[in-house]
């Protein structure tokens, strides 16, 4: 299983069309609307990387989409596909990431 978090920008005034089109693409498990630089956050889960590339290409080809930024996940994002041992490893990874983010955030605050 391959998972990705995808940030998507839609053509202004075509957000509804983009939402409906993206939701219909194979592999899109969840689709959230956002306020800010991006219009949507999609969670995509596919069987392999080739299938993920096809799903991302389909999103990029939509006339109602301006840009697609995909971040590949190291573990499955779906709880139904994770085993208990995966949750333990994920928890350890999140603790490590949190400590890095806190340092980065502190640096950003000082720079402002």
PDB file of N, CA and C in Angstrom:
ATOM      1  N   UNK A   1       0.850  -1.178   0.000  1.00  0.00           N
ATOM      2  CA  UNK A   1       0.000   0.000   0.000  1.00  0.00           C
ATOM      3  C   UNK A   1       0.892   1.236   0.000  1.00  0.00           C
ATOM      4  N   UNK A   2       0.582   2.181  -0.876  1.00  0.00           N
ATOM      5  CA  UNK A   2       1.309   3.444  -0.989  1.00  0.00           C
ATOM      6  C   UNK A   2       0.341   4.569  -0.652  1.00  0.00           C
ATOM      7  N   UNK A   3       0.765   5.463   0.242  1.00  0.00           N
ATOM      8  CA  UNK A   3      -0.080   6.578   0.663  1.00  0.00           C
ATOM      9  C   UNK A   3       0.594   7.897   0.364  1.00  0.00           C
ATOM     10  N   UNK A   4      -0.212   8.914   0.058  1.00  0.00           N
ATOM     11  CA  UNK A   4       0.315  10.253  -0.176  1.00  0.00           C
ATOM     12  C   UNK A   4      -0.670  11.285   0.350  1.00  0.00           C
ATOM     13  N   UNK A   5      -0.095  12.380   0.833  1.00  0.00           N
ATOM     14  CA  UNK A   5      -0.871  13.554   1.199  1.00  0.00           C
ATOM     15  C   UNK A   5      -0.667  14.534   0.053  1.00  0.00           C
ATOM     16  N   UNK A   6      -1.759  15.069  -0.483  1.00  0.00           N
ATOM     17  CA  UNK A   6      -1.671  15.892  -1.681  1.00  0.00           C
ATOM     18  C   UNK A   6      -2.341  17.238  -1.446  1.00  0.00           C
ATOM     19  N   UNK A   7      -1.602  18.314  -1.688  1.00  0.00           N
ATOM     20  CA  UNK A   7      -2.145  19.670  -1.610  1.00  0.00           C
ATOM     21  C   UNK A   7      -2.469  20.129  -3.021  1.00  0.00           C
ATOM     22  N   UNK A   8      -3.678  20.659  -3.205  1.00  0.00           N
ATOM     23  CA  UNK A   8      -4.179  20.972  -4.545  1.00  0.00           C
ATOM     24  C   UNK A   8      -4.705  22.407  -4.593  1.00  0.00           C
ATOM     25  N   UNK A   9      -4.325  23.121  -5.660  1.00  0.00           N
ATOM     26  CA  UNK A   9      -4.869  24.451  -5.922  1.00  0.00           C
ATOM     27  C   UNK A   9      -5.841  24.341  -7.094  1.00  0.00           C
ATOM     28  N   UNK A  10      -7.012  24.928  -6.918  1.00  0.00           N
ATOM     29  CA  UNK A  10      -8.031  24.899  -7.976  1.00  0.00           C
ATOM     30  C   UNK A  10      -8.084  26.242  -8.700  1.00  0.00           C
ATOM     31  N   UNK A  11      -8.611  26.207  -9.907  1.00  0.00           N
ATOM     32  CA  UNK A  11      -8.866  27.427 -10.666  1.00  0.00           C
ATOM     33  C   UNK A  11      -9.930  28.217  -9.893  1.00  0.00           C
ATOM     34  N   UNK A  12      -9.710  29.518  -9.674  1.00  0.00           N
ATOM     35  CA  UNK A  12     -10.716  30.314  -8.958  1.00  0.00           C
ATOM     36  C   UNK A  12     -12.106  30.164  -9.581  1.00  0.00           C
ATOM     37  N   UNK A  13     -13.084  30.042  -8.738  1.00  0.00           N
ATOM     38  CA  UNK A  13     -14.503  29.875  -9.107  1.00  0.00           C
ATOM     39  C   UNK A  13     -14.822  28.499  -9.697  1.00  0.00           C
ATOM     40  N   UNK A  14     -13.861  27.583  -9.704  1.00  0.00           N
ATOM     41  CA  UNK A  14     -14.115  26.228 -10.197  1.00  0.00           C
ATOM     42  C   UNK A  14     -13.855  25.184  -9.112  1.00  0.00           C
ATOM     43  N   UNK A  15     -13.905  25.621  -7.863  1.00  0.00           N
ATOM     44  CA  UNK A  15     -13.626  24.727  -6.744  1.00  0.00           C
ATOM     45  C   UNK A  15     -14.621  23.568  -6.659  1.00  0.00           C
ATOM     46  N   UNK A  16     -15.891  23.834  -6.904  1.00  0.00           N
ATOM     47  CA  UNK A  16     -16.901  22.761  -6.845  1.00  0.00           C
ATOM     48  C   UNK A  16     -16.664  21.709  -7.920  1.00  0.00           C
ATOM     49  N   UNK A  17     -16.321  22.158  -9.109  1.00  0.00           N
ATOM     50  CA  UNK A  17     -16.030  21.231 -10.210  1.00  0.00           C
ATOM     51  C   UNK A  17     -14.791  20.399  -9.862  1.00  0.00           C
ATOM     52  N   UNK A  18     -13.762  21.072  -9.352  1.00  0.00           N
ATOM     53  CA  UNK A  18     -12.530  20.371  -8.975  1.00  0.00           C
ATOM     54  C   UNK A  18     -12.811  19.335  -7.899  1.00  0.00           C
ATOM     55  N   UNK A  19     -13.581  19.718  -6.882  1.00  0.00           N
ATOM     56  CA  UNK A  19     -13.887  18.809  -5.778  1.00  0.00           C
ATOM     57  C   UNK A  19     -14.563  17.543  -6.287  1.00  0.00           C
ATOM     58  N   UNK A  20     -15.587  17.707  -7.092  1.00  0.00           N
ATOM     59  CA  UNK A  20     -16.332  16.560  -7.627  1.00  0.00           C
ATOM     60  C   UNK A  20     -15.433  15.667  -8.487  1.00  0.00           C
ATOM     61  N   UNK A  21     -14.603  16.288  -9.312  1.00  0.00           N
ATOM     62  CA  UNK A  21     -13.718  15.531 -10.208  1.00  0.00           C
ATOM     63  C   UNK A  21     -12.638  14.783  -9.438  1.00  0.00           C
ATOM     64  N   UNK A  22     -12.034  15.444  -8.464  1.00  0.00           N
ATOM     65  CA  UNK A  22     -10.964  14.812  -7.670  1.00  0.00           C
ATOM     66  C   UNK A  22     -11.526  13.649  -6.862  1.00  0.00           C
ATOM     67  N   UNK A  23     -12.688  13.860  -6.254  1.00  0.00           N
ATOM     68  CA  UNK A  23     -13.314  12.828  -5.422  1.00  0.00           C
ATOM     69  C   UNK A  23     -13.564  11.541  -6.212  1.00  0.00           C
ATOM     70  N   UNK A  24     -13.803  11.656  -7.513  1.00  0.00           N
ATOM     71  CA  UNK A  24     -14.117  10.495  -8.353  1.00  0.00           C
ATOM     72  C   UNK A  24     -12.880   9.710  -8.796  1.00  0.00           C
ATOM     73  N   UNK A  25     -11.691  10.238  -8.558  1.00  0.00           N
ATOM     74  CA  UNK A  25     -10.465   9.582  -9.023  1.00  0.00           C
ATOM     75  C   UNK A  25     -10.112   8.399  -8.125  1.00  0.00           C
ATOM     76  N   UNK A  26      -9.739   7.312  -8.763  1.00  0.00           N
ATOM     77  CA  UNK A  26      -9.393   6.091  -8.038  1.00  0.00           C
ATOM     78  C   UNK A  26      -8.219   6.350  -7.091  1.00  0.00           C
ATOM     79  N   UNK A  27      -8.372   5.904  -5.855  1.00  0.00           N
ATOM     80  CA  UNK A  27      -7.312   6.049  -4.861  1.00  0.00           C
ATOM     81  C   UNK A  27      -7.531   7.209  -3.899  1.00  0.00           C
ATOM     82  N   UNK A  28      -8.392   8.155  -4.257  1.00  0.00           N
ATOM     83  CA  UNK A  28      -8.651   9.291  -3.362  1.00  0.00           C
ATOM     84  C   UNK A  28      -9.561   8.791  -2.238  1.00  0.00           C
ATOM     85  N   UNK A  29      -8.971   8.631  -1.059  1.00  0.00           N
ATOM     86  CA  UNK A  29      -9.707   8.115   0.096  1.00  0.00           C
ATOM     87  C   UNK A  29     -10.446   9.217   0.840  1.00  0.00           C
ATOM     88  N   UNK A  30      -9.806  10.371   0.978  1.00  0.00           N
ATOM     89  CA  UNK A  30     -10.414  11.504   1.678  1.00  0.00           C
ATOM     90  C   UNK A  30     -10.047  12.775   0.935  1.00  0.00           C
ATOM     91  N   UNK A  31     -10.953  13.741   0.984  1.00  0.00           N
ATOM     92  CA  UNK A  31     -10.712  15.025   0.338  1.00  0.00           C
ATOM     93  C   UNK A  31     -11.275  16.115   1.230  1.00  0.00           C
ATOM     94  N   UNK A  32     -10.405  17.014   1.651  1.00  0.00           N
ATOM     95  CA  UNK A  32     -10.789  18.099   2.553  1.00  0.00           C
ATOM     96  C   UNK A  32     -10.655  19.436   1.834  1.00  0.00           C
ATOM     97  N   UNK A  33     -11.576  20.355   2.098  1.00  0.00           N
ATOM     98  CA  UNK A  33     -11.449  21.709   1.576  1.00  0.00           C
ATOM     99  C   UNK A  33     -10.656  22.537   2.582  1.00  0.00           C
ATOM    100  N   UNK A  34      -9.846  23.462   2.056  1.00  0.00           N
ATOM    101  CA  UNK A  34      -8.968  24.277   2.891  1.00  0.00           C
ATOM    102  C   UNK A  34      -9.171  25.756   2.608  1.00  0.00           C
ATOM    103  N   UNK A  35      -8.755  26.579   3.548  1.00  0.00           N
ATOM    104  CA  UNK A  35      -8.642  28.024   3.345  1.00  0.00           C
ATOM    105  C   UNK A  35      -7.155  28.326   3.343  1.00  0.00           C
ATOM    106  N   UNK A  36      -6.695  29.165   2.441  1.00  0.00           N
ATOM    107  CA  UNK A  36      -5.276  29.510   2.396  1.00  0.00           C
ATOM    108  C   UNK A  36      -4.710  29.326   1.005  1.00  0.00           C
ATOM    109  N   UNK A  37      -3.417  28.973   0.950  1.00  0.00           N
ATOM    110  CA  UNK A  37      -2.723  28.838  -0.332  1.00  0.00           C
ATOM    111  C   UNK A  37      -3.259  27.691  -1.186  1.00  0.00           C
ATOM    112  N   UNK A  38      -3.750  26.647  -0.553  1.00  0.00           N
ATOM    113  CA  UNK A  38      -4.278  25.491  -1.276  1.00  0.00           C
ATOM    114  C   UNK A  38      -5.777  25.381  -1.021  1.00  0.00           C
ATOM    115  N   UNK A  39      -6.482  24.799  -1.972  1.00  0.00           N
ATOM    116  CA  UNK A  39      -7.929  24.648  -1.857  1.00  0.00           C
ATOM    117  C   UNK A  39      -8.350  23.298  -1.286  1.00  0.00           C
ATOM    118  N   UNK A  40      -7.508  22.263  -1.510  1.00  0.00           N
ATOM    119  CA  UNK A  40      -7.853  20.917  -1.061  1.00  0.00           C
ATOM    120  C   UNK A  40      -6.644  20.181  -0.491  1.00  0.00           C
ATOM    121  N   UNK A  41      -6.943  19.265   0.416  1.00  0.00           N
ATOM    122  CA  UNK A  41      -5.969  18.296   0.899  1.00  0.00           C
ATOM    123  C   UNK A  41      -6.580  16.929   0.634  1.00  0.00           C
ATOM    124  N   UNK A  42      -5.891  16.125  -0.154  1.00  0.00           N
ATOM    125  CA  UNK A  42      -6.387  14.786  -0.488  1.00  0.00           C
ATOM    126  C   UNK A  42      -5.484  13.730   0.141  1.00  0.00           C
ATOM    127  N   UNK A  43      -6.090  12.674   0.613  1.00  0.00           N
ATOM    128  CA  UNK A  43      -5.364  11.485   1.070  1.00  0.00           C
ATOM    129  C   UNK A  43      -5.578  10.436  -0.010  1.00  0.00           C
ATOM    130  N   UNK A  44      -4.472  10.018  -0.607  1.00  0.00           N
ATOM    131  CA  UNK A  44      -4.552   9.017  -1.678  1.00  0.00           C
ATOM    132  C   UNK A  44      -3.856   7.749  -1.210  1.00  0.00           C
ATOM    133  N   UNK A  45      -4.524   6.624  -1.380  1.00  0.00           N
ATOM    134  CA  UNK A  45      -3.937   5.318  -1.061  1.00  0.00           C
ATOM    135  C   UNK A  45      -4.139   4.395  -2.251  1.00  0.00           C
ATOM    136  N   UNK A  46      -3.020   3.842  -2.738  1.00  0.00           N
ATOM    137  CA  UNK A  46      -3.073   2.937  -3.884  1.00  0.00           C
ATOM    138  C   UNK A  46      -2.252   1.692  -3.585  1.00  0.00           C
ATOM    139  N   UNK A  47      -2.391   0.706  -4.454  1.00  0.00           N
ATOM    140  CA  UNK A  47      -1.675  -0.553  -4.272  1.00  0.00           C
ATOM    141  C   UNK A  47      -0.169  -0.416  -4.502  1.00  0.00           C
ATOM    142  N   UNK A  48       0.227   0.447  -5.440  1.00  0.00           N
ATOM    143  CA  UNK A  48       1.649   0.595  -5.748  1.00  0.00           C
ATOM    144  C   UNK A  48       1.936   2.012  -6.257  1.00  0.00           C
ATOM    145  N   UNK A  49       3.217   2.311  -6.459  1.00  0.00           N
ATOM    146  CA  UNK A  49       3.605   3.652  -6.889  1.00  0.00           C
ATOM    147  C   UNK A  49       3.125   3.983  -8.300  1.00  0.00           C
ATOM    148  N   UNK A  50       3.067   3.003  -9.161  1.00  0.00           N
ATOM    149  CA  UNK A  50       2.591   3.245 -10.528  1.00  0.00           C
ATOM    150  C   UNK A  50       1.137   3.718 -10.507  1.00  0.00           C
ATOM    151  N   UNK A  51       0.327   3.093  -9.668  1.00  0.00           N
ATOM    152  CA  UNK A  51      -1.071   3.479  -9.556  1.00  0.00           C
ATOM    153  C   UNK A  51      -1.189   4.884  -8.936  1.00  0.00           C
ATOM    154  N   UNK A  52      -0.329   5.179  -7.964  1.00  0.00           N
ATOM    155  CA  UNK A  52      -0.310   6.507  -7.353  1.00  0.00           C
ATOM    156  C   UNK A  52       0.023   7.568  -8.400  1.00  0.00           C
ATOM    157  N   UNK A  53       1.028   7.297  -9.227  1.00  0.00           N
ATOM    158  CA  UNK A  53       1.403   8.238 -10.289  1.00  0.00           C
ATOM    159  C   UNK A  53       0.239   8.490 -11.243  1.00  0.00           C
ATOM    160  N   UNK A  54      -0.500   7.440 -11.568  1.00  0.00           N
ATOM    161  CA  UNK A  54      -1.657   7.596 -12.460  1.00  0.00           C
ATOM    162  C   UNK A  54      -2.725   8.486 -11.822  1.00  0.00           C
ATOM    163  N   UNK A  55      -2.985   8.268 -10.537  1.00  0.00           N
ATOM    164  CA  UNK A  55      -3.984   9.075  -9.831  1.00  0.00           C
ATOM    165  C   UNK A  55      -3.550  10.541  -9.780  1.00  0.00           C
ATOM    166  N   UNK A  56      -2.282  10.780  -9.482  1.00  0.00           N
ATOM    167  CA  UNK A  56      -1.775  12.152  -9.426  1.00  0.00           C
ATOM    168  C   UNK A  56      -1.834  12.814 -10.798  1.00  0.00           C
ATOM    169  N   UNK A  57      -1.502  12.060 -11.838  1.00  0.00           N
ATOM    170  CA  UNK A  57      -1.550  12.590 -13.201  1.00  0.00           C
ATOM    171  C   UNK A  57      -2.984  12.967 -13.581  1.00  0.00           C
ATOM    172  N   UNK A  58      -3.944  12.136 -13.178  1.00  0.00           N
ATOM    173  CA  UNK A  58      -5.353  12.440 -13.460  1.00  0.00           C
ATOM    174  C   UNK A  58      -5.764  13.760 -12.803  1.00  0.00           C
ATOM    175  N   UNK A  59      -5.324  13.972 -11.570  1.00  0.00           N
ATOM    176  CA  UNK A  59      -5.649  15.219 -10.877  1.00  0.00           C
ATOM    177  C   UNK A  59      -4.997  16.400 -11.596  1.00  0.00           C
ATOM    178  N   UNK A  60      -3.711  16.252 -11.947  1.00  0.00           N
ATOM    179  CA  UNK A  60      -2.985  17.329 -12.637  1.00  0.00           C
ATOM    180  C   UNK A  60      -3.636  17.695 -13.966  1.00  0.00           C
ATOM    181  N   UNK A  61      -4.228  16.736 -14.658  1.00  0.00           N
ATOM    182  CA  UNK A  61      -4.803  16.958 -15.981  1.00  0.00           C
ATOM    183  C   UNK A  61      -6.181  17.624 -15.944  1.00  0.00           C
ATOM    184  N   UNK A  62      -6.785  17.719 -14.779  1.00  0.00           N
ATOM    185  CA  UNK A  62      -8.101  18.340 -14.677  1.00  0.00           C
ATOM    186  C   UNK A  62      -8.008  19.821 -15.030  1.00  0.00           C
ATOM    187  N   UNK A  63      -8.927  20.301 -15.855  1.00  0.00           N
ATOM    188  CA  UNK A  63      -8.944  21.708 -16.253  1.00  0.00           C
ATOM    189  C   UNK A  63      -9.208  22.641 -15.080  1.00  0.00           C
ATOM    190  N   UNK A  64      -9.831  22.127 -14.030  1.00  0.00           N
ATOM    191  CA  UNK A  64     -10.173  22.942 -12.862  1.00  0.00           C
ATOM    192  C   UNK A  64      -9.059  22.971 -11.804  1.00  0.00           C
ATOM    193  N   UNK A  65      -7.918  22.341 -12.098  1.00  0.00           N
ATOM    194  CA  UNK A  65      -6.797  22.273 -11.147  1.00  0.00           C
ATOM    195  C   UNK A  65      -5.606  23.049 -11.685  1.00  0.00           C
ATOM    196  N   UNK A  66      -5.021  23.895 -10.817  1.00  0.00           N
ATOM    197  CA  UNK A  66      -3.844  24.688 -11.183  1.00  0.00           C
ATOM    198  C   UNK A  66      -2.553  23.949 -10.838  1.00  0.00           C
ATOM    199  N   UNK A  67      -2.478  23.419  -9.596  1.00  0.00           N
ATOM    200  CA  UNK A  67      -1.242  22.745  -9.181  1.00  0.00           C
ATOM    201  C   UNK A  67      -1.515  21.627  -8.195  1.00  0.00           C
ATOM    202  N   UNK A  68      -0.562  20.683  -8.143  1.00  0.00           N
ATOM    203  CA  UNK A  68      -0.649  19.518  -7.272  1.00  0.00           C
ATOM    204  C   UNK A  68       0.715  19.330  -6.608  1.00  0.00           C
ATOM    205  N   UNK A  69       0.725  19.311  -5.276  1.00  0.00           N
ATOM    206  CA  UNK A  69       1.944  19.049  -4.509  1.00  0.00           C
ATOM    207  C   UNK A  69       1.720  17.781  -3.696  1.00  0.00           C
ATOM    208  N   UNK A  70       2.456  16.718  -4.028  1.00  0.00           N
ATOM    209  CA  UNK A  70       2.257  15.431  -3.370  1.00  0.00           C
ATOM    210  C   UNK A  70       3.417  15.125  -2.430  1.00  0.00           C
ATOM    211  N   UNK A  71       3.075  14.594  -1.264  1.00  0.00           N
ATOM    212  CA  UNK A  71       4.045  14.155  -0.272  1.00  0.00           C
ATOM    213  C   UNK A  71       3.802  12.680  -0.013  1.00  0.00           C
ATOM    214  N   UNK A  72       4.774  11.849  -0.317  1.00  0.00           N
ATOM    215  CA  UNK A  72       4.652  10.407  -0.132  1.00  0.00           C
ATOM    216  C   UNK A  72       4.810  10.069   1.342  1.00  0.00           C
ATOM    217  N   UNK A  73       3.931   9.240   1.862  1.00  0.00           N
ATOM    218  CA  UNK A  73       3.992   8.832   3.260  1.00  0.00           C
ATOM    219  C   UNK A  73       4.817   7.560   3.398  1.00  0.00           C
ATOM    220  N   UNK A  74       5.575   7.457   4.509  1.00  0.00           N
ATOM    221  CA  UNK A  74       6.369   6.242   4.747  1.00  0.00           C
ATOM    222  C   UNK A  74       5.508   5.093   5.227  1.00  0.00           C
ATOM    223  N   UNK A  75       4.344   5.391   5.819  1.00  0.00           N
ATOM    224  CA  UNK A  75       3.452   4.342   6.310  1.00  0.00           C
ATOM    225  C   UNK A  75       2.053   4.592   5.775  1.00  0.00           C
ATOM    226  N   UNK A  76       1.228   3.572   5.837  1.00  0.00           N
ATOM    227  CA  UNK A  76      -0.154   3.717   5.418  1.00  0.00           C
ATOM    228  C   UNK A  76      -0.849   4.728   6.319  1.00  0.00           C
ATOM    229  N   UNK A  77      -1.648   5.607   5.738  1.00  0.00           N
ATOM    230  CA  UNK A  77      -2.363   6.615   6.514  1.00  0.00           C
ATOM    231  C   UNK A  77      -3.692   6.094   7.036  1.00  0.00           C
ATOM    232  N   UNK A  78      -4.135   4.973   6.526  1.00  0.00           N
ATOM    233  CA  UNK A  78      -5.419   4.410   6.911  1.00  0.00           C
ATOM    234  C   UNK A  78      -5.258   3.488   8.113  1.00  0.00           C
ATOM    235  N   UNK A  79      -6.028   3.713   9.157  1.00  0.00           N
ATOM    236  CA  UNK A  79      -5.951   2.852  10.342  1.00  0.00           C
ATOM    237  C   UNK A  79      -6.339   1.421  10.027  1.00  0.00           C
ATOM    238  N   UNK A  80      -7.241   1.230   9.078  1.00  0.00           N
ATOM    239  CA  UNK A  80      -7.681  -0.122   8.764  1.00  0.00           C
ATOM    240  C   UNK A  80      -6.553  -0.955   8.135  1.00  0.00           C
ATOM    241  N   UNK A  81      -5.534  -0.307   7.573  1.00  0.00           N
ATOM    242  CA  UNK A  81      -4.441  -1.025   6.928  1.00  0.00           C
ATOM    243  C   UNK A  81      -3.193  -1.147   7.794  1.00  0.00           C
ATOM    244  N   UNK A  82      -3.236  -0.585   8.997  1.00  0.00           N
ATOM    245  CA  UNK A  82      -2.078  -0.620   9.889  1.00  0.00           C
ATOM    246  C   UNK A  82      -2.232  -1.695  10.943  1.00  0.00           C
ATOM    247  N   UNK A  83      -1.132  -2.328  11.305  1.00  0.00           N
ATOM    248  CA  UNK A  83      -1.137  -3.280  12.406  1.00  0.00           C
ATOM    249  C   UNK A  83      -0.676  -2.564  13.658  1.00  0.00           C
ATOM    250  N   UNK A  84      -0.825  -3.189  14.815  1.00  0.00           N
ATOM    251  CA  UNK A  84      -0.448  -2.564  16.089  1.00  0.00           C
ATOM    252  C   UNK A  84       1.026  -2.165  16.111  1.00  0.00           C
ATOM    253  N   UNK A  85       1.885  -2.973  15.534  1.00  0.00           N
ATOM    254  CA  UNK A  85       3.308  -2.642  15.528  1.00  0.00           C
ATOM    255  C   UNK A  85       3.581  -1.392  14.702  1.00  0.00           C
ATOM    256  N   UNK A  86       2.825  -1.202  13.642  1.00  0.00           N
ATOM    257  CA  UNK A  86       2.970  -0.001  12.833  1.00  0.00           C
ATOM    258  C   UNK A  86       2.610   1.237  13.637  1.00  0.00           C
ATOM    259  N   UNK A  87       1.582   1.121  14.480  1.00  0.00           N
ATOM    260  CA  UNK A  87       1.170   2.264  15.297  1.00  0.00           C
ATOM    261  C   UNK A  87       2.262   2.660  16.277  1.00  0.00           C
ATOM    262  N   UNK A  88       2.933   1.668  16.843  1.00  0.00           N
ATOM    263  CA  UNK A  88       4.025   1.949  17.767  1.00  0.00           C
ATOM    264  C   UNK A  88       5.161   2.676  17.055  1.00  0.00           C
ATOM    265  N   UNK A  89       5.530   2.203  15.873  1.00  0.00           N
ATOM    266  CA  UNK A  89       6.604   2.839  15.106  1.00  0.00           C
ATOM    267  C   UNK A  89       6.195   4.243  14.687  1.00  0.00           C
ATOM    268  N   UNK A  90       4.937   4.414  14.304  1.00  0.00           N
ATOM    269  CA  UNK A  90       4.450   5.728  13.902  1.00  0.00           C
ATOM    270  C   UNK A  90       4.513   6.690  15.070  1.00  0.00           C
ATOM    271  N   UNK A  91       4.147   6.223  16.262  1.00  0.00           N
ATOM    272  CA  UNK A  91       4.186   7.069  17.450  1.00  0.00           C
ATOM    273  C   UNK A  91       5.615   7.539  17.715  1.00  0.00           C
ATOM    274  N   UNK A  92       6.579   6.641  17.583  1.00  0.00           N
ATOM    275  CA  UNK A  92       7.980   7.023  17.777  1.00  0.00           C
ATOM    276  C   UNK A  92       8.407   8.039  16.725  1.00  0.00           C
ATOM    277  N   UNK A  93       8.015   7.828  15.475  1.00  0.00           N
ATOM    278  CA  UNK A  93       8.344   8.782  14.411  1.00  0.00           C
ATOM    279  C   UNK A  93       7.742  10.147  14.700  1.00  0.00           C
ATOM    280  N   UNK A  94       6.486  10.178  15.163  1.00  0.00           N
ATOM    281  CA  UNK A  94       5.818  11.451  15.438  1.00  0.00           C
ATOM    282  C   UNK A  94       6.520  12.204  16.561  1.00  0.00           C
ATOM    283  N   UNK A  95       7.003  11.487  17.589  1.00  0.00           N
ATOM    284  CA  UNK A  95       7.736  12.157  18.661  1.00  0.00           C
ATOM    285  C   UNK A  95       9.000  12.801  18.116  1.00  0.00           C
ATOM    286  N   UNK A  96       9.687  12.099  17.252  1.00  0.00           N
ATOM    287  CA  UNK A  96      10.913  12.629  16.655  1.00  0.00           C
ATOM    288  C   UNK A  96      10.592  13.855  15.794  1.00  0.00           C
ATOM    289  N   UNK A  97       9.550  13.763  14.988  1.00  0.00           N
ATOM    290  CA  UNK A  97       9.173  14.871  14.109  1.00  0.00           C
ATOM    291  C   UNK A  97       8.747  16.084  14.935  1.00  0.00           C
ATOM    292  N   UNK A  98       8.010  15.851  16.026  1.00  0.00           N
ATOM    293  CA  UNK A  98       7.571  16.960  16.870  1.00  0.00           C
ATOM    294  C   UNK A  98       8.764  17.720  17.417  1.00  0.00           C
ATOM    295  N   UNK A  99       9.789  17.002  17.883  1.00  0.00           N
ATOM    296  CA  UNK A  99      10.943  17.696  18.450  1.00  0.00           C
ATOM    297  C   UNK A  99      11.672  18.502  17.379  1.00  0.00           C
ATOM    298  N   UNK A 100      11.747  18.000  16.164  1.00  0.00           N
ATOM    299  CA  UNK A 100      12.372  18.745  15.074  1.00  0.00           C
ATOM    300  C   UNK A 100      11.536  19.973  14.743  1.00  0.00           C
ATOM    301  N   UNK A 101      10.216  19.805  14.657  1.00  0.00           N
ATOM    302  CA  UNK A 101       9.338  20.924  14.325  1.00  0.00           C
ATOM    303  C   UNK A 101       9.401  22.023  15.371  1.00  0.00           C
ATOM    304  N   UNK A 102       9.507  21.648  16.641  1.00  0.00           N
ATOM    305  CA  UNK A 102       9.582  22.659  17.695  1.00  0.00           C
ATOM    306  C   UNK A 102      10.833  23.505  17.539  1.00  0.00           C
ATOM    307  N   UNK A 103      11.970  22.865  17.209  1.00  0.00           N
ATOM    308  CA  UNK A 103      13.206  23.626  16.991  1.00  0.00           C
ATOM    309  C   UNK A 103      13.066  24.535  15.782  1.00  0.00           C
ATOM    310  N   UNK A 104      12.506  24.016  14.718  1.00  0.00           N
ATOM    311  CA  UNK A 104      12.322  24.800  13.504  1.00  0.00           C
ATOM    312  C   UNK A 104      11.410  25.980  13.769  1.00  0.00           C
ATOM    313  N   UNK A 105      10.323  25.736  14.497  1.00  0.00           N
ATOM    314  CA  UNK A 105       9.392  26.804  14.811  1.00  0.00           C
ATOM    315  C   UNK A 105      10.083  27.875  15.643  1.00  0.00           C
ATOM    316  N   UNK A 106      10.887  27.466  16.618  1.00  0.00           N
ATOM    317  CA  UNK A 106      11.620  28.432  17.445  1.00  0.00           C
ATOM    318  C   UNK A 106      12.544  29.289  16.582  1.00  0.00           C
ATOM    319  N   UNK A 107      13.227  28.669  15.628  1.00  0.00           N
ATOM    320  CA  UNK A 107      14.112  29.411  14.738  1.00  0.00           C
ATOM    321  C   UNK A 107      13.332  30.426  13.924  1.00  0.00           C
ATOM    322  N   UNK A 108      12.144  30.034  13.456  1.00  0.00           N
ATOM    323  CA  UNK A 108      11.331  30.941  12.653  1.00  0.00           C
ATOM    324  C   UNK A 108      10.859  32.134  13.471  1.00  0.00           C
ATOM    325  N   UNK A 109      10.503  31.893  14.706  1.00  0.00           N
ATOM    326  CA  UNK A 109      10.022  32.974  15.568  1.00  0.00           C
ATOM    327  C   UNK A 109      11.134  33.988  15.794  1.00  0.00           C
ATOM    328  N   UNK A 110      12.368  33.499  16.005  1.00  0.00           N
ATOM    329  CA  UNK A 110      13.507  34.381  16.237  1.00  0.00           C
ATOM    330  C   UNK A 110      13.786  35.223  14.992  1.00  0.00           C
ATOM    331  N   UNK A 111      13.645  34.610  13.800  1.00  0.00           N
ATOM    332  CA  UNK A 111      13.925  35.324  12.566  1.00  0.00           C
ATOM    333  C   UNK A 111      12.929  36.435  12.280  1.00  0.00           C
ATOM    334  N   UNK A 112      11.717  36.308  12.767  1.00  0.00           N
ATOM    335  CA  UNK A 112      10.690  37.319  12.515  1.00  0.00           C
ATOM    336  C   UNK A 112      10.977  38.488  13.386  1.00  0.00           C
TER     337      UNK A 112
END
